[in-house]
Amino acid sequence: MPLFSPKSWFDKSPLVPVLRLSGASGISSPFDPGLNLASLAEQIEKAFSFKKAKAVALQVNSPGGSPVQSKLIFNRIRALSEENEIPVYTFVEDVAASGGYWLALSGDEVYADNSSIIGSIGVISAGFGFDKAIKKIGVDRRVYTAGERKMSLDPFQPEVPEEVERLKALQKDIHQAFRALVENRRGEKIAEAGDMLFTGEFWSGNRALELGLIDGIGDLRSVMREKFGDKVNLKLIQSKRGLFRRLGVRSRLSPLPADISFTAGLTHDILTTLEARALWSRYGL
């Protein structure tokens, strides 16, 4: 837009910057950059920089992922909301589950479609055990460590009960922090539902509304027009990344770190793509 724009001088339309939070948190793949604070910080800061903004709207579509990245993004949004005294509204698209629901809680009010998937307030770790397979095909695995627990939960070794218990204790700590956040943000709205909300189960938007996990059924445009009038200006905040970066594609022409080969980079992309795909598939998506 030109520096001197008569239209901008006289435009009295209520402004609502819109942030899209789409993808698995902390997991990037070739065509999905995922969600992490490092890549979103600039957009978040910009969304709250408009002095005339009536609110900031979040479009959330995430099956979860890293609880740390979800928490970091949540903390930044809440801090800027309070510093600038700008309310935040969340609009769930297909899914806001696990860490995705953590992101949704960034909003002072949360809305969803009646068919959206909401919840999964729990912690999960999954993997495979290959110890019997490598024994069957006659493979010796040779690993040398300093630190007796450095190989904890190694998938090529038989499962050790003590190591599983340590993992469960870690999961319990994270789950308790997640539960405390939900109870703090939703308050009395979830009082009747009680402990059933924290089993890891997930629900449709309609049921989530009954349980108090969201505040209403509705889409971004309809709700924002209802709150701020038909002329509300919904301004999508995008990053300044180039085309390939926006698509989440890492250029294979750019040099890779000296200790990472082309094959290793490709293998990483395949594995992270599968990991992200597995998260989405949990919810039939």
Protein backbone atom coordinates (compact mmCIF):
# COMPACT_ATOMS: atom_id res chain seq x y z
CA MET A 1 0.00 0.00 0.00
CA PRO A 2 1.37 3.51 -0.83
CA LEU A 3 2.74 5.53 2.08
CA PHE A 4 0.09 8.22 1.57
CA SER A 5 -3.19 6.47 0.95
CA PRO A 6 -6.39 8.51 1.29
CA LYS A 7 -8.34 5.29 1.70
CA SER A 8 -6.34 4.33 4.81
CA TRP A 9 -6.94 7.80 6.31
CA PHE A 10 -10.72 7.47 6.24
CA ASP A 11 -11.15 3.72 6.71
CA LYS A 12 -13.12 3.35 9.94
CA SER A 13 -13.75 -0.38 9.60
CA PRO A 14 -13.04 -2.31 12.80
CA LEU A 15 -9.74 -4.17 12.36
CA VAL A 16 -9.17 -7.76 13.50
CA PRO A 17 -5.79 -9.30 12.60
CA VAL A 18 -6.01 -13.03 11.92
CA LEU A 19 -3.30 -15.59 12.76
CA ARG A 20 -3.38 -19.10 11.28
CA LEU A 21 -1.98 -21.82 13.54
CA SER A 22 -2.09 -24.86 11.28
CA GLY A 23 -0.03 -28.04 11.52
CA ALA A 24 1.59 -30.24 14.13
CA SER A 25 3.42 -28.36 16.86
CA GLY A 26 7.17 -28.89 16.87
CA ILE A 27 7.07 -31.23 13.85
CA SER A 28 8.04 -29.95 10.40
CA SER A 29 7.87 -31.87 7.16
CA PRO A 30 8.68 -30.94 3.52
CA PHE A 31 5.21 -29.61 2.80
CA ASP A 32 4.19 -28.64 6.32
CA PRO A 33 6.45 -26.28 8.29
CA GLY A 34 4.59 -27.15 11.48
CA LEU A 35 4.15 -24.85 14.45
CA ASN A 36 6.93 -23.47 16.59
CA LEU A 37 7.54 -20.14 18.26
CA ALA A 38 10.69 -19.38 16.27
CA SER A 39 8.78 -19.35 12.96
CA LEU A 40 5.64 -17.67 14.35
CA ALA A 41 7.09 -15.00 16.64
CA GLU A 42 7.21 -12.30 13.95
CA GLN A 43 3.61 -12.90 12.90
CA ILE A 44 2.36 -12.95 16.48
CA GLU A 45 4.13 -9.69 17.29
CA LYS A 46 2.73 -8.07 14.15
CA ALA A 47 -0.83 -9.16 14.91
CA PHE A 48 -0.74 -7.29 18.22
CA SER A 49 1.04 -4.22 16.81
CA PHE A 50 -2.03 -2.58 15.24
CA LYS A 51 -3.16 0.20 17.56
CA LYS A 52 -6.68 0.22 16.16
CA ALA A 53 -7.20 -3.55 16.39
CA LYS A 54 -10.40 -4.51 18.18
CA ALA A 55 -9.23 -8.07 18.72
CA VAL A 56 -6.92 -10.77 17.36
CA ALA A 57 -8.45 -13.92 15.87
CA LEU A 58 -6.74 -17.32 15.79
CA GLN A 59 -7.59 -20.00 13.24
CA VAL A 60 -6.41 -23.25 14.83
CA ASN A 61 -6.09 -26.54 12.99
CA SER A 62 -3.67 -28.81 14.85
CA PRO A 63 -3.57 -32.43 16.07
CA GLY A 64 -0.96 -31.55 18.67
CA GLY A 65 2.69 -32.51 18.86
CA SER A 66 5.27 -30.86 21.08
CA PRO A 67 3.79 -29.65 24.40
CA VAL A 68 6.73 -27.27 24.78
CA GLN A 69 6.12 -25.48 21.47
CA SER A 70 2.38 -25.31 22.16
CA LYS A 71 3.10 -23.76 25.54
CA LEU A 72 5.62 -21.26 24.14
CA ILE A 73 3.17 -20.06 21.48
CA PHE A 74 0.36 -19.88 24.05
CA ASN A 75 2.53 -17.86 26.45
CA ARG A 76 3.55 -15.35 23.78
CA ILE A 77 -0.04 -14.78 22.62
CA ARG A 78 -1.37 -14.39 26.16
CA ALA A 79 1.45 -12.02 27.16
CA LEU A 80 0.84 -9.73 24.17
CA SER A 81 -2.92 -9.87 24.67
CA GLU A 82 -2.56 -8.67 28.24
CA GLU A 83 0.15 -6.10 27.49
CA ASN A 84 -1.86 -4.50 24.69
CA GLU A 85 -5.30 -5.11 26.25
CA ILE A 86 -6.50 -6.79 23.07
CA PRO A 87 -8.92 -9.72 23.39
CA VAL A 88 -8.24 -12.96 21.51
CA TYR A 89 -10.80 -15.21 19.83
CA THR A 90 -10.03 -18.76 18.72
CA PHE A 91 -11.75 -20.50 15.81
CA VAL A 92 -11.10 -24.22 15.49
CA GLU A 93 -11.22 -25.72 12.02
CA ASP A 94 -10.90 -29.52 11.63
CA VAL A 95 -9.17 -30.29 14.91
CA ALA A 96 -7.75 -28.78 18.09
CA ALA A 97 -6.55 -31.82 19.99
CA SER A 98 -3.83 -32.37 22.56
CA GLY A 99 -1.28 -29.58 21.94
CA GLY A 100 -3.72 -28.17 19.39
CA TYR A 101 -6.26 -27.60 22.16
CA TRP A 102 -3.47 -26.02 24.23
CA LEU A 103 -3.10 -23.52 21.37
CA ALA A 104 -6.87 -22.98 21.22
CA LEU A 105 -6.84 -21.96 24.87
CA SER A 106 -4.86 -18.87 23.86
CA GLY A 107 -8.26 -17.35 23.07
CA ASP A 108 -10.45 -15.60 25.61
CA GLU A 109 -13.31 -17.28 23.80
CA VAL A 110 -13.12 -20.48 21.75
CA TYR A 111 -15.41 -21.35 18.84
CA ALA A 112 -15.57 -24.40 16.60
CA ASP A 113 -17.61 -26.07 13.90
CA ASN A 114 -20.11 -28.62 15.16
CA SER A 115 -18.00 -31.32 13.44
CA SER A 116 -14.62 -30.10 14.69
CA ILE A 117 -12.62 -32.48 16.89
CA ILE A 118 -11.78 -31.09 20.32
CA GLY A 119 -9.93 -32.41 23.36
CA SER A 120 -7.45 -35.27 23.72
CA ILE A 121 -6.16 -33.70 26.93
CA GLY A 122 -3.46 -36.22 27.68
CA VAL A 123 0.13 -37.21 26.90
CA ILE A 124 1.26 -40.02 24.61
CA SER A 125 4.57 -41.61 23.66
CA ALA A 126 4.68 -44.28 20.97
CA GLY A 127 7.31 -46.30 19.21
CA PHE A 128 8.33 -49.80 18.13
CA GLY A 129 10.43 -52.58 19.62
CA PHE A 130 12.93 -54.11 17.19
CA ASP A 131 14.93 -56.29 19.60
CA LYS A 132 13.31 -59.56 18.49
CA ALA A 133 13.58 -58.65 14.81
CA ILE A 134 17.31 -57.94 14.84
CA LYS A 135 17.92 -61.10 16.88
CA LYS A 136 15.99 -63.15 14.34
CA ILE A 137 17.97 -61.85 11.37
CA GLY A 138 21.27 -62.10 13.21
CA VAL A 139 22.20 -58.45 13.64
CA ASP A 140 24.53 -57.29 16.41
CA ARG A 141 23.97 -53.74 17.63
CA ARG A 142 27.05 -52.07 19.08
CA VAL A 143 26.51 -48.94 21.14
CA TYR A 144 28.98 -47.35 23.53
CA THR A 145 27.88 -44.79 26.10
CA ALA A 146 29.10 -42.79 29.06
CA GLY A 147 26.16 -42.74 31.46
CA GLU A 148 24.30 -45.86 32.51
CA ARG A 149 20.89 -44.60 31.40
CA LYS A 150 21.91 -43.05 28.10
CA MET A 151 20.22 -45.91 26.20
CA SER A 152 16.97 -45.66 28.15
CA LEU A 153 13.98 -46.90 26.09
CA ASP A 154 16.22 -47.91 23.18
CA PRO A 155 13.93 -49.60 20.59
CA PHE A 156 16.59 -52.20 19.75
CA GLN A 157 16.85 -53.42 23.36
CA PRO A 158 14.27 -55.38 25.39
CA GLU A 159 11.90 -53.15 27.35
CA VAL A 160 13.02 -52.43 30.92
CA PRO A 161 10.18 -51.86 33.46
CA GLU A 162 12.19 -49.28 35.40
CA GLU A 163 12.68 -47.18 32.26
CA VAL A 164 8.97 -47.37 31.42
CA GLU A 165 8.13 -46.15 34.92
CA ARG A 166 10.43 -43.16 34.49
CA LEU A 167 8.71 -42.31 31.20
CA LYS A 168 5.28 -42.57 32.84
CA ALA A 169 6.39 -40.25 35.64
CA LEU A 170 7.50 -37.71 33.03
CA GLN A 171 4.18 -38.03 31.21
CA LYS A 172 2.32 -37.52 34.48
CA ASP A 173 4.15 -34.24 35.12
CA ILE A 174 3.28 -32.93 31.65
CA HIS A 175 -0.32 -34.12 31.97
CA GLN A 176 -0.75 -32.32 35.29
CA ALA A 177 0.56 -29.09 33.77
CA PHE A 178 -1.85 -29.48 30.83
CA ARG A 179 -4.77 -30.14 33.18
CA ALA A 180 -3.92 -27.12 35.32
CA LEU A 181 -3.90 -24.90 32.22
CA VAL A 182 -7.29 -26.17 31.05
CA GLU A 183 -8.82 -25.69 34.49
CA ASN A 184 -7.36 -22.19 34.74
CA ARG A 185 -8.55 -21.09 31.31
CA ARG A 186 -11.98 -22.73 31.30
CA GLY A 187 -12.82 -22.31 35.00
CA GLU A 188 -16.39 -23.03 36.03
CA LYS A 189 -17.39 -23.83 32.46
CA ILE A 190 -15.92 -27.34 32.81
CA ALA A 191 -16.83 -27.91 36.46
CA GLU A 192 -19.66 -30.36 35.75
CA ALA A 193 -17.62 -32.47 33.35
CA GLY A 194 -14.94 -33.17 35.95
CA ASP A 195 -12.20 -35.76 35.50
CA MET A 196 -13.63 -37.23 32.29
CA LEU A 197 -12.09 -34.33 30.37
CA PHE A 198 -8.56 -35.46 31.21
CA THR A 199 -8.60 -39.08 30.04
CA GLY A 200 -7.27 -38.28 26.56
CA GLU A 201 -10.70 -38.69 24.97
CA PHE A 202 -11.81 -36.27 22.24
CA TRP A 203 -15.23 -35.03 21.14
CA SER A 204 -17.15 -33.28 18.37
CA GLY A 205 -17.66 -29.53 18.53
CA ASN A 206 -21.25 -29.96 19.71
CA ARG A 207 -20.23 -32.23 22.57
CA ALA A 208 -17.25 -30.03 23.44
CA LEU A 209 -19.67 -27.12 23.84
CA GLU A 210 -21.78 -29.16 26.26
CA LEU A 211 -18.67 -30.07 28.25
CA GLY A 212 -17.51 -26.46 28.44
CA LEU A 213 -14.35 -26.88 26.37
CA ILE A 214 -15.51 -24.24 23.89
CA ASP A 215 -17.79 -21.20 24.07
CA GLY A 216 -19.83 -21.56 20.93
CA ILE A 217 -20.41 -23.02 17.48
CA GLY A 218 -19.43 -20.63 14.71
CA ASP A 219 -16.90 -19.61 12.08
CA LEU A 220 -14.50 -16.68 12.14
CA ARG A 221 -16.31 -14.39 9.68
CA SER A 222 -19.77 -14.89 11.16
CA VAL A 223 -18.74 -14.43 14.79
CA MET A 224 -16.50 -11.43 14.10
CA ARG A 225 -19.25 -9.72 12.09
CA GLU A 226 -21.68 -10.38 14.92
CA LYS A 227 -19.30 -8.82 17.46
CA PHE A 228 -17.81 -5.96 15.43
CA GLY A 229 -20.27 -5.31 12.62
CA ASP A 230 -20.62 -6.29 8.97
CA LYS A 231 -17.73 -4.05 7.89
CA VAL A 232 -15.13 -5.67 10.14
CA ASN A 233 -11.75 -5.90 8.39
CA LEU A 234 -10.26 -9.38 8.86
CA LYS A 235 -6.57 -8.97 8.07
CA LEU A 236 -4.62 -12.20 7.61
CA ILE A 237 -1.10 -11.89 9.03
CA GLN A 238 1.44 -13.77 6.92
CA SER A 239 5.16 -14.24 7.21
CA LYS A 240 7.58 -12.69 4.72
CA ARG A 241 9.00 -16.04 3.67
CA GLY A 242 9.43 -16.88 0.00
CA LEU A 243 7.27 -19.29 -1.95
CA PHE A 244 9.23 -22.44 -1.13
CA ARG A 245 9.51 -21.55 2.55
CA ARG A 246 5.75 -20.87 2.69
CA LEU A 247 5.20 -24.33 1.26
CA GLY A 248 7.52 -25.75 3.89
CA VAL A 249 10.04 -26.99 1.33
CA ARG A 250 13.70 -26.90 2.23
CA SER A 251 15.77 -26.23 -0.85
CA ARG A 252 18.00 -29.16 -1.75
CA LEU A 253 20.25 -26.71 -3.58
CA SER A 254 21.26 -24.98 -0.34
CA PRO A 255 24.22 -26.53 1.50
CA LEU A 256 23.43 -28.93 4.31
CA PRO A 257 25.44 -28.95 7.53
CA ALA A 258 28.75 -30.78 7.15
CA ASP A 259 27.62 -33.63 9.38
CA ILE A 260 24.34 -34.23 7.58
CA SER A 261 24.34 -35.90 4.19
CA PHE A 262 21.71 -35.44 1.50
CA THR A 263 20.42 -38.95 2.24
CA ALA A 264 20.20 -38.22 5.96
CA GLY A 265 18.25 -35.04 5.28
CA LEU A 266 15.87 -36.89 2.99
CA THR A 267 15.41 -39.64 5.56
CA HIS A 268 14.61 -37.03 8.21
CA ASP A 269 11.99 -35.45 5.94
CA ILE A 270 10.33 -38.81 5.33
CA LEU A 271 10.24 -39.68 9.03
CA THR A 272 8.87 -36.30 10.10
CA THR A 273 6.24 -36.46 7.36
CA LEU A 274 5.14 -39.87 8.64
CA GLU A 275 5.13 -38.62 12.23
CA ALA A 276 2.94 -35.64 11.33
CA ARG A 277 0.70 -37.86 9.21
CA ALA A 278 0.26 -40.26 12.13
CA LEU A 279 -0.89 -37.41 14.38
CA TRP A 280 -3.55 -36.29 11.91
CA SER A 281 -4.70 -39.87 11.24
CA ARG A 282 -5.55 -40.37 14.93
CA TYR A 283 -8.55 -38.12 14.31
CA GLY A 284 -9.58 -39.62 10.97
CA LEU A 285 -8.01 -36.78 8.96
